[in-house]
């Protein structure tokens, strides 16, 4: 279960004072830290591996959404033949 990031936050001042401890915690848990300024959540800090995992997940979700849209378009007849597309590109780019 994912922790509530806003409720489980630390001050930026505390992070500055104990950076090495927080970095160890980030590496070990893989969970991001929310840092507060004047009591309000302002920053999220996470290790590079976890951030890359997040970017990879976003890429996969965007690909899935594109596939779903394509399948929906095909189901509703919003398609063109490869010959139509090729002719259009030939005209457009003078091929």
Protein backbone atom coordinates (compact mmCIF):
# COMPACT_ATOMS: atom_id res chain seq x y z
CA UNK A 1 0.00 0.00 0.00
CA UNK A 2 1.31 3.42 -0.95
CA UNK A 3 1.78 5.83 1.91
CA UNK A 4 0.05 9.20 1.94
CA UNK A 5 2.85 11.46 0.79
CA UNK A 6 1.40 14.70 2.11
CA UNK A 7 0.69 13.31 5.56
CA UNK A 8 4.12 11.65 5.74
CA UNK A 9 6.23 14.73 4.99
CA UNK A 10 9.39 16.33 6.33
CA UNK A 11 10.56 19.90 6.46
CA UNK A 12 13.10 21.13 3.96
CA UNK A 13 15.16 22.37 6.90
CA UNK A 14 15.23 18.86 8.41
CA UNK A 15 16.16 17.41 5.02
CA UNK A 16 19.10 19.83 4.76
CA UNK A 17 20.30 18.93 8.25
CA UNK A 18 20.02 15.17 7.76
CA UNK A 19 20.51 14.76 4.02
CA UNK A 20 22.60 11.59 4.23
CA UNK A 21 20.00 9.88 6.43
CA UNK A 22 17.19 10.85 4.06
CA UNK A 23 19.19 9.68 1.03
CA UNK A 24 19.71 6.31 2.66
CA UNK A 25 15.99 6.12 3.35
CA UNK A 26 15.21 6.99 -0.29
CA UNK A 27 17.54 4.29 -1.60
CA UNK A 28 16.22 1.67 0.78
CA UNK A 29 12.49 2.33 0.42
CA UNK A 30 12.28 3.59 -3.15
CA UNK A 31 9.50 5.84 -1.90
CA UNK A 32 9.57 9.58 -2.55
CA UNK A 33 9.78 12.17 0.22
CA UNK A 34 7.56 15.21 0.42
CA UNK A 35 9.34 18.26 1.78
CA UNK A 36 7.49 21.14 3.33
CA UNK A 37 8.28 24.83 3.45
CA UNK A 38 6.48 26.75 6.19
CA UNK A 39 4.32 23.70 6.84
CA UNK A 40 3.07 23.30 3.26
CA UNK A 41 4.09 20.51 0.90
CA UNK A 42 6.32 22.09 -1.75
CA UNK A 43 8.80 19.52 -3.10
CA UNK A 44 9.01 15.83 -3.88
CA UNK A 45 12.39 14.13 -3.77
CA UNK A 46 12.99 10.62 -5.03
CA UNK A 47 15.88 8.46 -6.12
CA UNK A 48 16.76 8.34 -9.82
CA UNK A 49 15.83 4.66 -10.25
CA UNK A 50 12.33 5.20 -8.89
CA UNK A 51 11.90 8.28 -11.06
CA UNK A 52 12.97 6.30 -14.15
CA UNK A 53 10.47 3.58 -13.21
CA UNK A 54 7.77 6.26 -13.04
CA UNK A 55 8.71 7.62 -16.47
CA UNK A 56 8.68 4.09 -17.91
CA UNK A 57 5.23 3.48 -16.44
CA UNK A 58 3.93 6.70 -17.96
CA UNK A 59 5.29 5.63 -21.37
CA UNK A 60 3.52 2.26 -21.08
CA UNK A 61 0.24 3.87 -20.03
CA UNK A 62 0.41 6.33 -22.93
CA UNK A 63 1.04 3.43 -25.34
CA UNK A 64 -1.93 1.53 -23.92
CA UNK A 65 -4.15 4.61 -24.31
CA UNK A 66 -3.01 4.97 -27.93
CA UNK A 67 -3.81 1.33 -28.64
CA UNK A 68 -7.25 1.69 -27.02
CA UNK A 69 -7.95 4.78 -29.14
CA UNK A 70 -6.86 2.95 -32.29
CA UNK A 71 -9.05 -0.04 -31.50
CA UNK A 72 -12.02 2.25 -30.81
CA UNK A 73 -11.42 4.09 -34.09
CA UNK A 74 -11.24 0.78 -35.97
CA UNK A 75 -14.44 -0.43 -34.30
CA UNK A 76 -16.25 2.73 -35.43
CA UNK A 77 -14.86 2.61 -38.97
CA UNK A 78 -12.52 5.57 -38.57
CA UNK A 79 -9.72 3.99 -40.59
CA UNK A 80 -8.02 4.43 -43.95
CA UNK A 81 -6.31 1.90 -46.14
CA UNK A 82 -2.54 1.83 -46.42
CA UNK A 83 -2.91 2.79 -50.08
CA UNK A 84 -4.81 5.98 -49.11
CA UNK A 85 -2.17 6.95 -46.57
CA UNK A 86 0.69 6.17 -48.99
CA UNK A 87 -0.92 8.26 -51.76
CA UNK A 88 -1.45 11.17 -49.37
CA UNK A 89 2.20 11.06 -48.24
CA UNK A 90 3.42 10.83 -51.83
CA UNK A 91 1.43 13.93 -52.78
CA UNK A 92 2.40 15.81 -49.65
CA UNK A 93 6.12 15.09 -49.83
CA UNK A 94 6.50 14.74 -53.60
CA UNK A 95 7.65 11.12 -53.46
